[in-house]
Amino acid sequence: MLDLGCGEAVWSLRALELVPSAVADGVDISSHALSAAEQAAAARGLTGRLSLHQTPATEFSATKPYDLVLCVGATHAFGGLKETMDAISAFVRPGGLALVGEGFWERPPTPDLVEAIGAFPDLAGTVAAESGGWLTVHGHVSDPAEWHEYVFSWTGTLARWAAANPGPDGDQALAVMREHRDLWLNGYRGVLGFVSLLLQRVVK
């Protein structure tokens, strides 16, 4: 499998645990995230089955197609959902699968919110990504509790890091945390949804 924008490779590591015969490539630009992924793989006895690549997802190349390609919350790396699906097509074998996680509007956003976090389609428009050689075979829409867990975990990690690293870097991390948390609490909470789509590449 291939995990584009893998971050700390949480999805890949879980998949490797579930499928003992699987191997994975993880691609991300963050050295910190890849270091954490490497440590997590070692702790779980998966080091030999996960290869990590520090490079932009748009510049990664492969010598053979994959059975499964993941791109969860990282479609911005390709410029949007349609562009992501086009890029993934080059990596997935005919009949293979793609797992793509993307935001969508639960209800119409304000112009200020679109300017702050970008434009998204509604759920119907997001599922329309199956066109162009893909079929949606499963999907999961994150519920409010999952959103809350994600945001508070993400911002809480930054807050703890900032507290442990006083100084300019800690201050910057704290500012990023507060900006993101405030944007969620006062902007996109209940407006922006998140869906994970499992798509199969159509055999032609």
N, C-alpha and C. Protein backbone atom coordinates (compact mmCIF):
# COMPACT_ATOMS: atom_id res chain seq x y z
N MET A 1 0.84 -1.18 0.00
CA MET A 1 0.00 0.00 0.00
C MET A 1 0.88 1.24 0.00
N LEU A 2 0.28 2.36 -0.41
CA LEU A 2 0.96 3.65 -0.46
C LEU A 2 0.13 4.64 0.33
N ASP A 3 0.77 5.38 1.23
CA ASP A 3 0.09 6.37 2.06
C ASP A 3 0.67 7.75 1.73
N LEU A 4 -0.10 8.54 0.98
CA LEU A 4 0.34 9.86 0.53
C LEU A 4 -0.08 10.91 1.55
N GLY A 5 0.90 11.70 2.03
CA GLY A 5 0.63 12.62 3.13
C GLY A 5 0.37 11.85 4.40
N CYS A 6 1.25 10.89 4.68
CA CYS A 6 1.00 9.91 5.74
C CYS A 6 1.09 10.48 7.15
N GLY A 7 1.77 11.63 7.32
CA GLY A 7 1.97 12.14 8.67
C GLY A 7 2.72 11.13 9.52
N GLU A 8 2.17 10.77 10.64
CA GLU A 8 2.80 9.79 11.53
C GLU A 8 2.43 8.35 11.16
N ALA A 9 1.82 8.18 9.99
CA ALA A 9 1.51 6.86 9.42
C ALA A 9 0.56 6.04 10.27
N VAL A 10 -0.36 6.70 10.95
CA VAL A 10 -1.29 5.99 11.81
C VAL A 10 -2.14 5.00 11.01
N TRP A 11 -2.65 5.45 9.85
CA TRP A 11 -3.49 4.57 9.03
C TRP A 11 -2.68 3.37 8.54
N SER A 12 -1.48 3.62 8.04
CA SER A 12 -0.66 2.53 7.50
C SER A 12 -0.28 1.53 8.57
N LEU A 13 0.11 2.01 9.72
CA LEU A 13 0.52 1.11 10.80
C LEU A 13 -0.64 0.21 11.24
N ARG A 14 -1.82 0.79 11.32
CA ARG A 14 -2.98 -0.01 11.70
C ARG A 14 -3.27 -1.07 10.64
N ALA A 15 -3.16 -0.68 9.37
CA ALA A 15 -3.41 -1.64 8.28
C ALA A 15 -2.37 -2.76 8.29
N LEU A 16 -1.13 -2.42 8.57
CA LEU A 16 -0.08 -3.43 8.62
C LEU A 16 -0.33 -4.43 9.74
N GLU A 17 -0.88 -3.95 10.85
CA GLU A 17 -1.22 -4.86 11.95
C GLU A 17 -2.37 -5.79 11.57
N LEU A 18 -3.32 -5.26 10.82
CA LEU A 18 -4.49 -6.05 10.45
C LEU A 18 -4.19 -7.07 9.35
N VAL A 19 -3.22 -6.74 8.47
CA VAL A 19 -2.90 -7.60 7.33
C VAL A 19 -1.42 -7.97 7.42
N PRO A 20 -1.08 -9.10 8.01
CA PRO A 20 0.32 -9.47 8.24
C PRO A 20 1.17 -9.58 6.97
N SER A 21 0.55 -9.80 5.82
CA SER A 21 1.31 -9.94 4.59
C SER A 21 1.57 -8.61 3.89
N ALA A 22 1.01 -7.52 4.41
CA ALA A 22 1.08 -6.23 3.74
C ALA A 22 2.41 -5.52 4.01
N VAL A 23 2.81 -4.69 3.05
CA VAL A 23 3.93 -3.76 3.22
C VAL A 23 3.44 -2.40 2.75
N ALA A 24 4.11 -1.33 3.20
CA ALA A 24 3.62 0.00 2.91
C ALA A 24 4.76 0.98 2.65
N ASP A 25 4.46 1.96 1.80
CA ASP A 25 5.29 3.14 1.61
C ASP A 25 4.55 4.34 2.17
N GLY A 26 5.21 5.13 3.00
CA GLY A 26 4.62 6.34 3.54
C GLY A 26 5.36 7.56 3.01
N VAL A 27 4.61 8.55 2.56
CA VAL A 27 5.19 9.74 1.94
C VAL A 27 4.71 10.99 2.67
N ASP A 28 5.64 11.83 3.10
CA ASP A 28 5.27 13.08 3.75
C ASP A 28 6.46 14.04 3.69
N ILE A 29 6.19 15.34 3.87
CA ILE A 29 7.26 16.33 3.84
C ILE A 29 7.77 16.67 5.23
N SER A 30 7.08 16.21 6.26
CA SER A 30 7.44 16.57 7.64
C SER A 30 8.43 15.57 8.22
N SER A 31 9.63 16.05 8.52
CA SER A 31 10.63 15.18 9.14
C SER A 31 10.19 14.75 10.54
N HIS A 32 9.50 15.64 11.26
CA HIS A 32 9.04 15.32 12.61
C HIS A 32 8.00 14.20 12.56
N ALA A 33 7.05 14.30 11.63
CA ALA A 33 6.02 13.27 11.52
C ALA A 33 6.62 11.93 11.12
N LEU A 34 7.55 11.96 10.18
CA LEU A 34 8.16 10.70 9.73
C LEU A 34 9.02 10.07 10.82
N SER A 35 9.66 10.91 11.62
CA SER A 35 10.42 10.38 12.75
C SER A 35 9.50 9.69 13.75
N ALA A 36 8.35 10.31 14.01
CA ALA A 36 7.38 9.70 14.92
C ALA A 36 6.84 8.40 14.33
N ALA A 37 6.63 8.38 13.01
CA ALA A 37 6.15 7.16 12.35
C ALA A 37 7.18 6.04 12.47
N GLU A 38 8.44 6.40 12.29
CA GLU A 38 9.52 5.40 12.40
C GLU A 38 9.58 4.82 13.81
N GLN A 39 9.45 5.67 14.81
CA GLN A 39 9.48 5.20 16.19
C GLN A 39 8.27 4.31 16.50
N ALA A 40 7.11 4.71 15.99
CA ALA A 40 5.90 3.92 16.24
C ALA A 40 5.99 2.56 15.56
N ALA A 41 6.54 2.53 14.35
CA ALA A 41 6.71 1.26 13.64
C ALA A 41 7.65 0.33 14.41
N ALA A 42 8.73 0.89 14.94
CA ALA A 42 9.68 0.09 15.71
C ALA A 42 9.03 -0.46 16.97
N ALA A 43 8.25 0.37 17.65
CA ALA A 43 7.61 -0.05 18.89
C ALA A 43 6.59 -1.16 18.65
N ARG A 44 6.03 -1.22 17.45
CA ARG A 44 5.00 -2.21 17.14
C ARG A 44 5.55 -3.38 16.31
N GLY A 45 6.88 -3.41 16.14
CA GLY A 45 7.49 -4.50 15.41
C GLY A 45 7.21 -4.49 13.92
N LEU A 46 7.03 -3.31 13.34
CA LEU A 46 6.64 -3.19 11.93
C LEU A 46 7.69 -2.50 11.07
N THR A 47 8.88 -2.29 11.62
CA THR A 47 9.90 -1.52 10.92
C THR A 47 10.20 -2.06 9.53
N GLY A 48 10.34 -3.36 9.39
CA GLY A 48 10.71 -3.94 8.11
C GLY A 48 9.63 -3.90 7.06
N ARG A 49 8.42 -3.50 7.45
CA ARG A 49 7.30 -3.51 6.51
C ARG A 49 6.82 -2.12 6.13
N LEU A 50 7.43 -1.08 6.69
CA LEU A 50 7.06 0.30 6.39
C LEU A 50 8.28 1.06 5.91
N SER A 51 8.23 1.57 4.69
CA SER A 51 9.30 2.40 4.13
C SER A 51 8.81 3.84 4.07
N LEU A 52 9.60 4.76 4.61
CA LEU A 52 9.18 6.16 4.70
C LEU A 52 10.00 7.01 3.74
N HIS A 53 9.32 7.98 3.11
CA HIS A 53 9.93 8.82 2.10
C HIS A 53 9.61 10.29 2.39
N GLN A 54 10.65 11.08 2.65
CA GLN A 54 10.44 12.50 2.89
C GLN A 54 10.53 13.25 1.56
N THR A 55 9.40 13.45 0.96
CA THR A 55 9.31 14.12 -0.34
C THR A 55 7.87 14.60 -0.53
N PRO A 56 7.65 15.65 -1.32
CA PRO A 56 6.28 16.05 -1.62
C PRO A 56 5.52 14.92 -2.32
N ALA A 57 4.27 14.76 -1.97
CA ALA A 57 3.47 13.69 -2.58
C ALA A 57 3.42 13.83 -4.09
N THR A 58 3.45 15.05 -4.58
CA THR A 58 3.37 15.28 -6.02
C THR A 58 4.64 14.85 -6.75
N GLU A 59 5.73 14.64 -6.00
CA GLU A 59 7.00 14.27 -6.62
C GLU A 59 7.37 12.81 -6.41
N PHE A 60 6.54 12.08 -5.67
CA PHE A 60 6.84 10.67 -5.41
C PHE A 60 6.59 9.85 -6.68
N SER A 61 7.47 8.90 -6.94
CA SER A 61 7.30 7.99 -8.08
C SER A 61 7.45 6.56 -7.59
N ALA A 62 6.80 5.64 -8.31
CA ALA A 62 6.84 4.23 -7.93
C ALA A 62 7.16 3.38 -9.14
N THR A 63 7.74 2.21 -8.89
CA THR A 63 8.13 1.32 -9.98
C THR A 63 7.04 0.31 -10.32
N LYS A 64 6.05 0.16 -9.44
CA LYS A 64 4.97 -0.78 -9.71
C LYS A 64 3.69 -0.28 -9.03
N PRO A 65 2.53 -0.71 -9.51
CA PRO A 65 1.27 -0.23 -8.93
C PRO A 65 0.99 -0.85 -7.56
N TYR A 66 0.14 -0.18 -6.81
CA TYR A 66 -0.22 -0.62 -5.46
C TYR A 66 -1.62 -1.21 -5.44
N ASP A 67 -1.86 -2.07 -4.45
CA ASP A 67 -3.20 -2.61 -4.24
C ASP A 67 -4.11 -1.59 -3.58
N LEU A 68 -3.51 -0.73 -2.74
CA LEU A 68 -4.28 0.27 -1.99
C LEU A 68 -3.45 1.54 -1.85
N VAL A 69 -4.09 2.68 -2.14
CA VAL A 69 -3.45 3.98 -1.92
C VAL A 69 -4.33 4.78 -0.97
N LEU A 70 -3.70 5.35 0.06
CA LEU A 70 -4.41 6.17 1.03
C LEU A 70 -4.02 7.64 0.86
N CYS A 71 -5.00 8.52 0.98
CA CYS A 71 -4.74 9.96 1.05
C CYS A 71 -5.84 10.54 1.92
N VAL A 72 -5.58 10.61 3.20
CA VAL A 72 -6.59 11.01 4.19
C VAL A 72 -6.25 12.38 4.75
N GLY A 73 -7.10 13.35 4.44
CA GLY A 73 -6.87 14.71 4.92
C GLY A 73 -5.68 15.39 4.29
N ALA A 74 -5.28 14.95 3.10
CA ALA A 74 -4.09 15.52 2.46
C ALA A 74 -4.31 15.85 0.99
N THR A 75 -5.57 16.01 0.58
CA THR A 75 -5.83 16.31 -0.84
C THR A 75 -5.29 17.68 -1.24
N HIS A 76 -5.06 18.54 -0.25
CA HIS A 76 -4.49 19.86 -0.57
C HIS A 76 -3.11 19.74 -1.22
N ALA A 77 -2.43 18.63 -0.97
CA ALA A 77 -1.09 18.44 -1.55
C ALA A 77 -1.15 18.39 -3.07
N PHE A 78 -2.30 17.97 -3.60
CA PHE A 78 -2.45 17.86 -5.05
C PHE A 78 -3.28 18.99 -5.64
N GLY A 79 -3.81 19.86 -4.78
CA GLY A 79 -4.60 20.98 -5.27
C GLY A 79 -6.10 20.77 -5.23
N GLY A 80 -6.55 19.68 -4.58
CA GLY A 80 -7.98 19.43 -4.48
C GLY A 80 -8.32 17.97 -4.67
N LEU A 81 -9.60 17.66 -4.53
CA LEU A 81 -10.05 16.27 -4.57
C LEU A 81 -9.91 15.67 -5.97
N LYS A 82 -10.39 16.37 -6.99
CA LYS A 82 -10.31 15.84 -8.35
C LYS A 82 -8.86 15.59 -8.75
N GLU A 83 -8.00 16.55 -8.46
CA GLU A 83 -6.58 16.40 -8.79
C GLU A 83 -5.96 15.23 -8.03
N THR A 84 -6.41 15.01 -6.80
CA THR A 84 -5.91 13.88 -6.01
C THR A 84 -6.31 12.56 -6.65
N MET A 85 -7.57 12.45 -7.05
CA MET A 85 -8.02 11.21 -7.67
C MET A 85 -7.28 10.95 -8.98
N ASP A 86 -7.02 12.00 -9.74
CA ASP A 86 -6.25 11.84 -10.98
C ASP A 86 -4.85 11.33 -10.68
N ALA A 87 -4.23 11.89 -9.63
CA ALA A 87 -2.87 11.49 -9.27
C ALA A 87 -2.84 10.06 -8.75
N ILE A 88 -3.81 9.70 -7.92
CA ILE A 88 -3.86 8.36 -7.36
C ILE A 88 -4.03 7.30 -8.45
N SER A 89 -4.73 7.67 -9.51
CA SER A 89 -4.96 6.72 -10.60
C SER A 89 -3.65 6.16 -11.16
N ALA A 90 -2.60 6.95 -11.09
CA ALA A 90 -1.31 6.51 -11.62
C ALA A 90 -0.63 5.48 -10.71
N PHE A 91 -1.12 5.35 -9.47
CA PHE A 91 -0.48 4.45 -8.50
C PHE A 91 -1.26 3.17 -8.24
N VAL A 92 -2.56 3.15 -8.51
CA VAL A 92 -3.41 2.02 -8.15
C VAL A 92 -3.56 1.07 -9.33
N ARG A 93 -3.38 -0.21 -9.07
CA ARG A 93 -3.57 -1.20 -10.13
C ARG A 93 -5.06 -1.27 -10.50
N PRO A 94 -5.39 -1.68 -11.72
CA PRO A 94 -6.80 -1.90 -12.08
C PRO A 94 -7.46 -2.86 -11.11
N GLY A 95 -8.59 -2.47 -10.57
CA GLY A 95 -9.27 -3.28 -9.57
C GLY A 95 -8.82 -3.01 -8.16
N GLY A 96 -7.77 -2.19 -8.00
CA GLY A 96 -7.27 -1.84 -6.68
C GLY A 96 -8.13 -0.79 -6.00
N LEU A 97 -7.73 -0.40 -4.80
CA LEU A 97 -8.54 0.47 -3.96
C LEU A 97 -7.82 1.76 -3.60
N ALA A 98 -8.63 2.79 -3.34
CA ALA A 98 -8.12 4.05 -2.80
C ALA A 98 -8.98 4.43 -1.60
N LEU A 99 -8.35 4.86 -0.53
CA LEU A 99 -9.06 5.38 0.64
C LEU A 99 -8.73 6.86 0.74
N VAL A 100 -9.74 7.69 0.54
CA VAL A 100 -9.54 9.14 0.49
C VAL A 100 -10.41 9.80 1.54
N GLY A 101 -9.81 10.62 2.39
CA GLY A 101 -10.54 11.37 3.39
C GLY A 101 -10.58 12.83 3.02
N GLU A 102 -11.78 13.42 3.00
CA GLU A 102 -11.93 14.79 2.51
C GLU A 102 -13.02 15.52 3.27
N GLY A 103 -12.85 16.83 3.40
CA GLY A 103 -13.86 17.66 4.01
C GLY A 103 -15.00 17.94 3.04
N PHE A 104 -16.17 18.25 3.60
CA PHE A 104 -17.32 18.66 2.78
C PHE A 104 -18.21 19.57 3.64
N TRP A 105 -19.00 20.40 2.98
CA TRP A 105 -19.86 21.31 3.71
C TRP A 105 -21.12 20.59 4.18
N GLU A 106 -21.32 20.55 5.49
CA GLU A 106 -22.56 20.03 6.05
C GLU A 106 -23.70 21.01 5.78
N ARG A 107 -23.38 22.30 5.82
CA ARG A 107 -24.34 23.34 5.48
C ARG A 107 -23.57 24.50 4.87
N PRO A 108 -24.25 25.39 4.14
CA PRO A 108 -23.54 26.46 3.42
C PRO A 108 -22.67 27.30 4.36
N PRO A 109 -21.40 27.52 4.00
CA PRO A 109 -20.49 28.31 4.83
C PRO A 109 -20.63 29.80 4.53
N THR A 110 -20.10 30.60 5.43
CA THR A 110 -20.02 32.03 5.17
C THR A 110 -18.84 32.31 4.24
N PRO A 111 -18.87 33.42 3.51
CA PRO A 111 -17.72 33.76 2.66
C PRO A 111 -16.42 33.86 3.44
N ASP A 112 -16.48 34.37 4.68
CA ASP A 112 -15.27 34.49 5.49
C ASP A 112 -14.68 33.13 5.82
N LEU A 113 -15.55 32.14 6.05
CA LEU A 113 -15.07 30.80 6.37
C LEU A 113 -14.41 30.16 5.16
N VAL A 114 -15.00 30.35 3.99
CA VAL A 114 -14.39 29.82 2.76
C VAL A 114 -13.01 30.44 2.55
N GLU A 115 -12.92 31.74 2.80
CA GLU A 115 -11.63 32.43 2.64
C GLU A 115 -10.60 31.90 3.63
N ALA A 116 -11.05 31.53 4.83
CA ALA A 116 -10.13 31.10 5.88
C ALA A 116 -9.63 29.68 5.67
N ILE A 117 -10.50 28.75 5.24
CA ILE A 117 -10.08 27.35 5.18
C ILE A 117 -10.18 26.74 3.78
N GLY A 118 -10.68 27.47 2.83
CA GLY A 118 -10.75 26.97 1.47
C GLY A 118 -12.14 26.51 1.07
N ALA A 119 -12.29 26.17 -0.21
CA ALA A 119 -13.57 25.75 -0.75
C ALA A 119 -13.69 24.23 -0.75
N PHE A 120 -14.87 23.75 -0.41
CA PHE A 120 -15.17 22.32 -0.45
C PHE A 120 -16.53 22.14 -1.11
N PRO A 121 -16.77 20.96 -1.71
CA PRO A 121 -18.12 20.66 -2.19
C PRO A 121 -18.99 20.19 -1.03
N ASP A 122 -20.26 19.93 -1.32
CA ASP A 122 -21.10 19.26 -0.33
C ASP A 122 -20.82 17.76 -0.41
N LEU A 123 -21.54 16.95 0.36
CA LEU A 123 -21.26 15.51 0.38
C LEU A 123 -21.50 14.88 -0.99
N ALA A 124 -22.56 15.31 -1.67
CA ALA A 124 -22.84 14.75 -2.99
C ALA A 124 -21.72 15.07 -3.96
N GLY A 125 -21.21 16.29 -3.89
CA GLY A 125 -20.12 16.67 -4.77
C GLY A 125 -18.83 15.93 -4.45
N THR A 126 -18.64 15.60 -3.18
CA THR A 126 -17.46 14.84 -2.78
C THR A 126 -17.53 13.40 -3.28
N VAL A 127 -18.68 12.78 -3.13
CA VAL A 127 -18.85 11.41 -3.61
C VAL A 127 -18.71 11.35 -5.13
N ALA A 128 -18.97 12.45 -5.81
CA ALA A 128 -18.83 12.48 -7.27
C ALA A 128 -17.39 12.26 -7.72
N ALA A 129 -16.46 12.22 -6.77
CA ALA A 129 -15.07 11.90 -7.11
C ALA A 129 -14.94 10.50 -7.68
N GLU A 130 -16.00 9.67 -7.54
CA GLU A 130 -15.94 8.32 -8.08
C GLU A 130 -15.94 8.33 -9.60
N SER A 131 -16.31 9.44 -10.22
CA SER A 131 -16.31 9.49 -11.67
C SER A 131 -14.88 9.39 -12.19
N GLY A 132 -14.74 9.12 -13.47
CA GLY A 132 -13.41 9.04 -14.06
C GLY A 132 -12.68 7.76 -13.72
N GLY A 133 -13.39 6.64 -13.69
CA GLY A 133 -12.72 5.36 -13.47
C GLY A 133 -12.74 4.84 -12.06
N TRP A 134 -13.57 5.44 -11.19
CA TRP A 134 -13.65 5.00 -9.80
C TRP A 134 -15.10 4.70 -9.41
N LEU A 135 -15.27 3.76 -8.49
CA LEU A 135 -16.57 3.47 -7.92
C LEU A 135 -16.46 3.48 -6.40
N THR A 136 -17.35 4.20 -5.74
CA THR A 136 -17.37 4.22 -4.28
C THR A 136 -17.97 2.92 -3.77
N VAL A 137 -17.19 2.17 -2.99
CA VAL A 137 -17.68 0.89 -2.46
C VAL A 137 -17.98 0.95 -0.98
N HIS A 138 -17.55 2.02 -0.31
CA HIS A 138 -17.90 2.22 1.10
C HIS A 138 -17.57 3.66 1.49
N GLY A 139 -18.18 4.12 2.54
CA GLY A 139 -17.89 5.47 3.04
C GLY A 139 -18.22 5.60 4.51
N HIS A 140 -17.53 6.50 5.17
CA HIS A 140 -17.80 6.76 6.59
C HIS A 140 -17.75 8.26 6.83
N VAL A 141 -18.85 8.81 7.33
CA VAL A 141 -18.91 10.23 7.68
C VAL A 141 -18.61 10.37 9.17
N SER A 142 -17.59 11.15 9.49
CA SER A 142 -17.20 11.33 10.89
C SER A 142 -18.31 12.05 11.65
N ASP A 143 -18.66 11.54 12.83
CA ASP A 143 -19.70 12.18 13.63
C ASP A 143 -19.08 13.27 14.50
N PRO A 144 -19.91 14.10 15.16
CA PRO A 144 -19.37 15.21 15.96
C PRO A 144 -18.37 14.76 17.03
N ALA A 145 -18.60 13.62 17.64
CA ALA A 145 -17.67 13.15 18.68
C ALA A 145 -16.29 12.89 18.09
N GLU A 146 -16.24 12.33 16.89
CA GLU A 146 -14.95 12.08 16.24
C GLU A 146 -14.25 13.38 15.89
N TRP A 147 -15.02 14.36 15.41
CA TRP A 147 -14.46 15.69 15.13
C TRP A 147 -13.87 16.28 16.40
N HIS A 148 -14.61 16.24 17.50
CA HIS A 148 -14.14 16.83 18.76
C HIS A 148 -12.86 16.15 19.22
N GLU A 149 -12.84 14.83 19.14
CA GLU A 149 -11.65 14.08 19.54
C GLU A 149 -10.45 14.48 18.71
N TYR A 150 -10.65 14.59 17.39
CA TYR A 150 -9.56 14.95 16.48
C TYR A 150 -9.02 16.34 16.80
N VAL A 151 -9.89 17.33 16.89
CA VAL A 151 -9.42 18.70 17.07
C VAL A 151 -8.78 18.89 18.42
N PHE A 152 -9.40 18.38 19.48
CA PHE A 152 -8.81 18.56 20.81
C PHE A 152 -7.51 17.77 20.96
N SER A 153 -7.40 16.64 20.28
CA SER A 153 -6.15 15.88 20.31
C SER A 153 -5.05 16.64 19.58
N TRP A 154 -5.38 17.16 18.40
CA TRP A 154 -4.40 17.88 17.57
C TRP A 154 -3.94 19.15 18.27
N THR A 155 -4.88 19.95 18.75
CA THR A 155 -4.50 21.20 19.42
C THR A 155 -3.86 20.93 20.77
N GLY A 156 -4.31 19.89 21.45
CA GLY A 156 -3.72 19.56 22.75
C GLY A 156 -2.27 19.12 22.62
N THR A 157 -1.95 18.39 21.55
CA THR A 157 -0.56 17.99 21.32
C THR A 157 0.33 19.21 21.12
N LEU A 158 -0.16 20.19 20.35
CA LEU A 158 0.60 21.42 20.16
C LEU A 158 0.76 22.18 21.47
N ALA A 159 -0.30 22.22 22.26
CA ALA A 159 -0.24 22.94 23.52
C ALA A 159 0.78 22.31 24.46
N ARG A 160 0.79 20.98 24.54
CA ARG A 160 1.76 20.30 25.40
C ARG A 160 3.19 20.54 24.92
N TRP A 161 3.38 20.51 23.60
CA TRP A 161 4.71 20.75 23.05
C TRP A 161 5.16 22.17 23.36
N ALA A 162 4.25 23.13 23.21
CA ALA A 162 4.59 24.52 23.49
C ALA A 162 4.97 24.71 24.96
N ALA A 163 4.25 24.04 25.86
CA ALA A 163 4.55 24.15 27.29
C ALA A 163 5.91 23.56 27.62
N ALA A 164 6.31 22.51 26.89
CA ALA A 164 7.59 21.85 27.14
C ALA A 164 8.75 22.53 26.43
N ASN A 165 8.45 23.48 25.53
CA ASN A 165 9.49 24.14 24.75
C ASN A 165 9.29 25.66 24.78
N PRO A 166 9.48 26.27 25.95
CA PRO A 166 9.29 27.72 26.04
C PRO A 166 10.30 28.46 25.16
N GLY A 167 9.86 29.60 24.67
CA GLY A 167 10.70 30.38 23.77
C GLY A 167 9.97 30.66 22.47
N PRO A 168 10.67 31.17 21.46
CA PRO A 168 10.03 31.55 20.19
C PRO A 168 9.30 30.39 19.50
N ASP A 169 9.91 29.20 19.49
CA ASP A 169 9.25 28.07 18.83
C ASP A 169 7.99 27.65 19.58
N GLY A 170 8.06 27.64 20.90
CA GLY A 170 6.89 27.31 21.69
C GLY A 170 5.79 28.34 21.52
N ASP A 171 6.17 29.61 21.47
CA ASP A 171 5.18 30.68 21.27
C ASP A 171 4.50 30.54 19.92
N GLN A 172 5.27 30.18 18.89
CA GLN A 172 4.69 30.01 17.56
C GLN A 172 3.72 28.83 17.54
N ALA A 173 4.12 27.71 18.18
CA ALA A 173 3.23 26.56 18.23
C ALA A 173 1.94 26.89 18.96
N LEU A 174 2.05 27.66 20.04
CA LEU A 174 0.87 28.05 20.81
C LEU A 174 -0.04 28.95 19.98
N ALA A 175 0.54 29.85 19.19
CA ALA A 175 -0.25 30.73 18.34
C ALA A 175 -0.99 29.93 17.28
N VAL A 176 -0.31 28.94 16.68
CA VAL A 176 -0.96 28.09 15.67
C VAL A 176 -2.10 27.30 16.30
N MET A 177 -1.85 26.78 17.50
CA MET A 177 -2.88 26.01 18.19
C MET A 177 -4.12 26.87 18.45
N ARG A 178 -3.92 28.07 18.98
CA ARG A 178 -5.05 28.92 19.32
C ARG A 178 -5.81 29.38 18.07
N GLU A 179 -5.07 29.67 17.01
CA GLU A 179 -5.72 30.09 15.77
C GLU A 179 -6.61 28.97 15.22
N HIS A 180 -6.08 27.75 15.20
CA HIS A 180 -6.84 26.62 14.67
C HIS A 180 -8.04 26.30 15.56
N ARG A 181 -7.82 26.29 16.87
CA ARG A 181 -8.92 25.96 17.79
C ARG A 181 -10.03 27.00 17.72
N ASP A 182 -9.64 28.27 17.67
CA ASP A 182 -10.65 29.33 17.59
C ASP A 182 -11.42 29.28 16.28
N LEU A 183 -10.71 28.94 15.19
CA LEU A 183 -11.38 28.85 13.89
C LEU A 183 -12.40 27.71 13.91
N TRP A 184 -12.07 26.63 14.60
CA TRP A 184 -13.00 25.52 14.71
C TRP A 184 -14.18 25.88 15.61
N LEU A 185 -13.89 26.40 16.81
CA LEU A 185 -14.95 26.70 17.77
C LEU A 185 -15.91 27.77 17.26
N ASN A 186 -15.38 28.77 16.59
CA ASN A 186 -16.18 29.92 16.18
C ASN A 186 -16.46 29.98 14.68
N GLY A 187 -16.04 28.93 13.95
CA GLY A 187 -16.20 28.98 12.51
C GLY A 187 -16.77 27.71 11.90
N TYR A 188 -15.94 26.66 11.78
CA TYR A 188 -16.39 25.52 10.98
C TYR A 188 -16.98 24.36 11.78
N ARG A 189 -17.04 24.46 13.09
CA ARG A 189 -17.65 23.37 13.87
C ARG A 189 -19.13 23.26 13.51
N GLY A 190 -19.55 22.09 13.07
CA GLY A 190 -20.93 21.87 12.67
C GLY A 190 -21.23 22.32 11.24
N VAL A 191 -20.24 22.91 10.59
CA VAL A 191 -20.42 23.39 9.21
C VAL A 191 -19.62 22.51 8.24
N LEU A 192 -18.38 22.21 8.61
CA LEU A 192 -17.53 21.35 7.79
C LEU A 192 -17.59 19.93 8.30
N GLY A 193 -17.93 19.00 7.43
CA GLY A 193 -17.92 17.59 7.77
C GLY A 193 -16.69 16.91 7.19
N PHE A 194 -16.52 15.63 7.47
CA PHE A 194 -15.39 14.87 6.94
C PHE A 194 -15.88 13.47 6.59
N VAL A 195 -15.53 13.04 5.37
CA VAL A 195 -15.94 11.72 4.92
C VAL A 195 -14.72 10.95 4.44
N SER A 196 -14.68 9.67 4.76
CA SER A 196 -13.65 8.76 4.27
C SER A 196 -14.30 7.83 3.26
N LEU A 197 -13.84 7.90 2.01
CA LEU A 197 -14.42 7.12 0.94
C LEU A 197 -13.46 6.00 0.52
N LEU A 198 -13.98 4.80 0.41
CA LEU A 198 -13.23 3.69 -0.14
C LEU A 198 -13.70 3.51 -1.59
N LEU A 199 -12.78 3.69 -2.53
CA LEU A 199 -13.11 3.63 -3.94
C LEU A 199 -12.33 2.53 -4.63
N GLN A 200 -12.95 1.91 -5.58
CA GLN A 200 -12.31 0.86 -6.37
C GLN A 200 -12.07 1.38 -7.78
N ARG A 201 -10.86 1.12 -8.27
CA ARG A 201 -10.54 1.54 -9.64
C ARG A 201 -11.17 0.56 -10.62
N VAL A 202 -11.95 1.09 -11.53
CA VAL A 202 -12.68 0.27 -12.47
C VAL A 202 -11.74 -0.38 -13.46
N VAL A 203 -11.92 -1.68 -13.67
CA VAL A 203 -11.12 -2.40 -14.66
C VAL A 203 -11.70 -2.13 -16.04
N LYS A 204 -10.86 -1.67 -16.95
CA LYS A 204 -11.33 -1.37 -18.30
C LYS A 204 -10.79 -2.39 -19.29
